[in-house]
Amino acid sequence: MIIGVYGTIGAGKTTISNKIKKLKFKVINADLIAKEVINYRDIQSQLKKTFPEAFVNDNFDRRRLRKAISNNETKMNKLNSIVWPEIKNQISLLIQTNSGNIVIDAALLPELELPVDKYIRVKSNLLTTLFRVKKRDKIPFKETFSIYKQQKQRIKYYNLDNEIIIVNDFWTKKISYKQLHKKIFK
C-alpha cells in the first residue's frame, strides 16, 4: 500500500508520516529528496539561469531562493517545473525498489501524479503553522505566510476520492496509532 501525506508548509506532515512509519511503513520524504536534487549539476545550472538572485559567488543559497519564490507564484511554478520532474523520478525509483508499505510525505503530492492508494491531507490552522515553521526553519512569518497561502490555494483545487483529513494543531488531541491505523485501513 502507498499512502500519500500532503498539506501546507508546517501542517505536521512529517509528524503524521513518522507515526505511520511505526505501522511498518517506509517513509519517503520529498523535502529530503528535493535537498539532494537541488544540488545536481544540471538542476543547479537551470536554477542559476532562472534564479540568479539565489546564488552568492556561484554558491547556491536555499534561503535566498525561498525568499525569491515566497511572494511570486510565477517563480514558484518555474522552480517546480525545474525540480519536480527529478523529484518524481527519484520517488518513483524508491517505490520500485522497495516492497511493502510506503508513505510519501510531500506538500503538493497530488501534483506529482504518483501511484498513491490513499491520501492523507494534514491540516493546521495558520497560527500553529506560523509558529511551527518559525521554530523549525527560523524564517520570517511573512515569508511562511506567503508560501502557506500559495500552497493552500493550490490544494483547494484537488479533488481526491481516496482522501482522509487529519487536523494536526496544538489545540487538538494527538492522534493515536490505533486511530491512525483505523483511518488508513478502513
Protein backbone atom coordinates (compact mmCIF):
# COMPACT_ATOMS: atom_id res chain seq x y z
CA MET A 1 0.00 0.00 0.00
CA ILE A 2 1.21 3.51 -0.82
CA ILE A 3 -0.08 6.36 1.33
CA GLY A 4 0.49 9.98 0.36
CA VAL A 5 0.66 12.58 3.12
CA TYR A 6 0.27 16.16 1.92
CA GLY A 7 -0.63 19.62 3.19
CA THR A 8 0.71 23.13 3.53
CA ILE A 9 4.04 24.13 5.00
CA GLY A 10 4.11 23.47 8.75
CA ALA A 11 0.88 21.46 8.82
CA GLY A 12 2.54 18.48 10.52
CA LYS A 13 3.02 16.14 7.54
CA THR A 14 6.30 14.74 8.85
CA THR A 15 4.81 14.14 12.30
CA ILE A 16 1.96 12.13 10.78
CA SER A 17 4.33 10.32 8.37
CA ASN A 18 6.55 9.29 11.27
CA LYS A 19 3.52 7.93 13.12
CA ILE A 20 2.55 5.93 10.02
CA LYS A 21 6.15 4.66 9.84
CA LYS A 22 5.56 2.93 13.18
CA LEU A 23 2.77 0.98 11.47
CA LYS A 24 5.53 -0.71 9.41
CA PHE A 25 5.68 1.76 6.51
CA LYS A 26 8.82 3.04 4.82
CA VAL A 27 8.82 6.87 4.67
CA ILE A 28 9.83 8.75 1.52
CA ASN A 29 10.23 12.44 2.34
CA ALA A 30 10.07 14.66 -0.76
CA ASP A 31 11.76 17.57 1.07
CA LEU A 32 14.85 15.44 1.73
CA ILE A 33 14.88 14.32 -1.89
CA ALA A 34 14.49 17.93 -3.03
CA LYS A 35 17.53 18.94 -0.96
CA GLU A 36 19.58 16.33 -2.86
CA VAL A 37 18.06 17.06 -6.28
CA ILE A 38 18.67 20.78 -5.94
CA ASN A 39 22.41 20.05 -5.80
CA TYR A 40 22.51 18.10 -9.08
CA ARG A 41 24.72 19.87 -11.58
CA ASP A 42 22.06 20.17 -14.32
CA ILE A 43 19.45 21.41 -11.81
CA GLN A 44 21.92 23.96 -10.40
CA SER A 45 22.63 25.18 -13.92
CA GLN A 46 18.92 25.71 -14.61
CA LEU A 47 18.43 27.38 -11.23
CA LYS A 48 21.33 29.74 -11.83
CA LYS A 49 19.82 30.85 -15.15
CA THR A 50 16.33 31.25 -13.72
CA PHE A 51 17.10 32.49 -10.19
CA PRO A 52 20.47 34.28 -10.23
CA GLU A 53 19.45 36.04 -7.01
CA ALA A 54 19.64 32.66 -5.23
CA PHE A 55 23.41 32.44 -5.76
CA VAL A 56 26.23 34.20 -3.94
CA ASN A 57 29.66 33.85 -5.55
CA ASP A 58 28.43 30.82 -7.55
CA ASN A 59 27.17 29.14 -4.37
CA PHE A 60 23.51 28.23 -4.12
CA ASP A 61 21.67 29.77 -1.15
CA ARG A 62 18.40 27.97 -0.32
CA ARG A 63 17.16 30.83 1.88
CA ARG A 64 17.59 33.33 -0.96
CA LEU A 65 15.64 31.02 -3.28
CA ARG A 66 12.86 30.62 -0.71
CA LYS A 67 12.67 34.40 -0.36
CA ALA A 68 12.57 34.85 -4.16
CA ILE A 69 9.64 32.46 -4.60
CA SER A 70 7.69 33.28 -1.43
CA ASN A 71 5.86 36.26 -2.92
CA ASN A 72 5.83 35.21 -6.54
CA GLU A 73 3.65 32.36 -7.76
CA THR A 74 5.16 32.52 -11.26
CA LYS A 75 8.64 31.99 -9.82
CA MET A 76 7.37 29.17 -7.60
CA ASN A 77 5.84 27.48 -10.65
CA LYS A 78 9.12 27.89 -12.53
CA LEU A 79 11.05 26.32 -9.65
CA ASN A 80 8.58 23.43 -9.57
CA SER A 81 8.98 22.86 -13.31
CA ILE A 82 12.74 22.55 -12.81
CA VAL A 83 12.91 20.31 -9.74
CA TRP A 84 9.64 18.33 -9.62
CA PRO A 85 10.35 16.06 -12.60
CA GLU A 86 13.55 14.83 -10.94
CA ILE A 87 11.87 14.56 -7.51
CA LYS A 88 9.15 12.46 -9.13
CA ASN A 89 11.79 10.27 -10.82
CA GLN A 90 13.61 9.70 -7.53
CA ILE A 91 10.39 8.86 -5.65
CA SER A 92 9.32 6.50 -8.46
CA LEU A 93 12.67 4.70 -8.22
CA LEU A 94 12.28 4.33 -4.46
CA ILE A 95 8.76 2.94 -4.92
CA GLN A 96 10.02 0.42 -7.50
CA THR A 97 12.95 -0.74 -5.36
CA ASN A 98 11.06 -1.08 -2.06
CA SER A 99 8.48 -3.72 -1.43
CA GLY A 100 5.89 -3.38 1.28
CA ASN A 101 4.02 -0.39 2.59
CA ILE A 102 5.26 3.11 1.75
CA VAL A 103 4.25 6.58 2.91
CA ILE A 104 5.23 9.57 0.76
CA ASP A 105 5.47 12.94 2.53
CA ALA A 106 5.20 15.92 0.14
CA ALA A 107 3.40 19.28 0.41
CA LEU A 108 1.73 19.22 -3.02
CA LEU A 109 1.95 15.47 -3.57
CA PRO A 110 -1.13 15.04 -5.80
CA GLU A 111 0.57 17.23 -8.42
CA LEU A 112 3.36 14.64 -8.79
CA GLU A 113 0.78 12.11 -10.08
CA LEU A 114 2.33 9.12 -8.34
CA PRO A 115 0.55 5.78 -7.77
CA VAL A 116 -0.97 6.56 -4.34
CA ASP A 117 -3.62 4.25 -2.87
CA LYS A 118 -4.81 6.65 -0.18
CA TYR A 119 -4.10 10.30 0.54
CA ILE A 120 -3.92 11.88 3.97
CA ARG A 121 -4.28 15.63 3.99
CA VAL A 122 -2.80 17.16 7.12
CA LYS A 123 -4.32 20.48 8.07
CA SER A 124 -3.34 23.01 10.68
CA ASN A 125 -4.54 26.49 11.48
CA LEU A 126 -2.45 29.43 10.32
CA LEU A 127 -1.21 30.47 13.77
CA THR A 128 0.06 26.96 14.55
CA THR A 129 1.69 26.77 11.12
CA LEU A 130 3.48 30.10 11.51
CA PHE A 131 4.92 29.17 14.90
CA ARG A 132 5.97 25.67 13.82
CA VAL A 133 7.86 26.97 10.80
CA LYS A 134 9.41 29.84 12.76
CA LYS A 135 10.72 27.37 15.35
CA ARG A 136 11.89 24.82 12.75
CA ASP A 137 13.28 26.99 9.93
CA LYS A 138 13.82 30.38 11.59
CA ILE A 139 12.20 32.21 8.66
CA PRO A 140 10.02 35.33 8.98
CA PHE A 141 6.26 34.94 9.44
CA LYS A 142 5.63 36.95 6.27
CA GLU A 143 7.66 34.51 4.15
CA THR A 144 5.96 31.49 5.71
CA PHE A 145 2.53 33.06 5.23
CA SER A 146 3.27 33.67 1.56
CA ILE A 147 4.25 30.04 0.96
CA TYR A 148 1.31 28.81 3.06
CA LYS A 149 -1.12 30.95 1.06
CA GLN A 150 0.23 29.72 -2.31
CA GLN A 151 0.10 26.07 -1.25
CA LYS A 152 -3.37 26.37 0.29
CA GLN A 153 -4.65 27.95 -2.94
CA ARG A 154 -3.35 25.00 -4.97
CA ILE A 155 -4.58 22.37 -2.54
CA LYS A 156 -8.15 23.66 -2.59
CA TYR A 157 -8.46 22.55 -6.23
CA TYR A 158 -7.52 18.92 -5.54
CA ASN A 159 -10.46 16.57 -5.86
CA LEU A 160 -9.36 13.29 -4.33
CA ASP A 161 -11.80 10.44 -3.74
CA ASN A 162 -9.41 8.44 -1.58
CA GLU A 163 -8.59 11.15 0.97
CA ILE A 164 -8.53 11.27 4.76
CA ILE A 165 -8.21 14.62 6.53
CA ILE A 166 -6.32 14.94 9.81
CA VAL A 167 -6.28 18.22 11.72
CA ASN A 168 -2.93 18.50 13.49
CA ASP A 169 -3.00 21.55 15.77
CA PHE A 170 -1.62 22.44 19.18
CA TRP A 171 -5.17 22.55 20.49
CA THR A 172 -6.37 19.19 19.21
CA LYS A 173 -5.85 15.83 20.82
CA LYS A 174 -2.86 13.95 19.46
CA ILE A 175 -3.94 11.21 17.09
CA SER A 176 -3.15 7.73 18.43
CA TYR A 177 -1.64 4.87 16.43
CA LYS A 178 -4.90 2.96 16.84
CA GLN A 179 -6.88 5.88 15.40
CA LEU A 180 -4.39 6.27 12.56
CA HIS A 181 -4.45 2.53 11.79
CA LYS A 182 -8.26 2.62 11.70
CA LYS A 183 -8.29 5.62 9.36
CA ILE A 184 -5.76 4.07 6.98
CA PHE A 185 -7.07 0.53 6.84
CA LYS A 186 -10.83 1.11 6.98
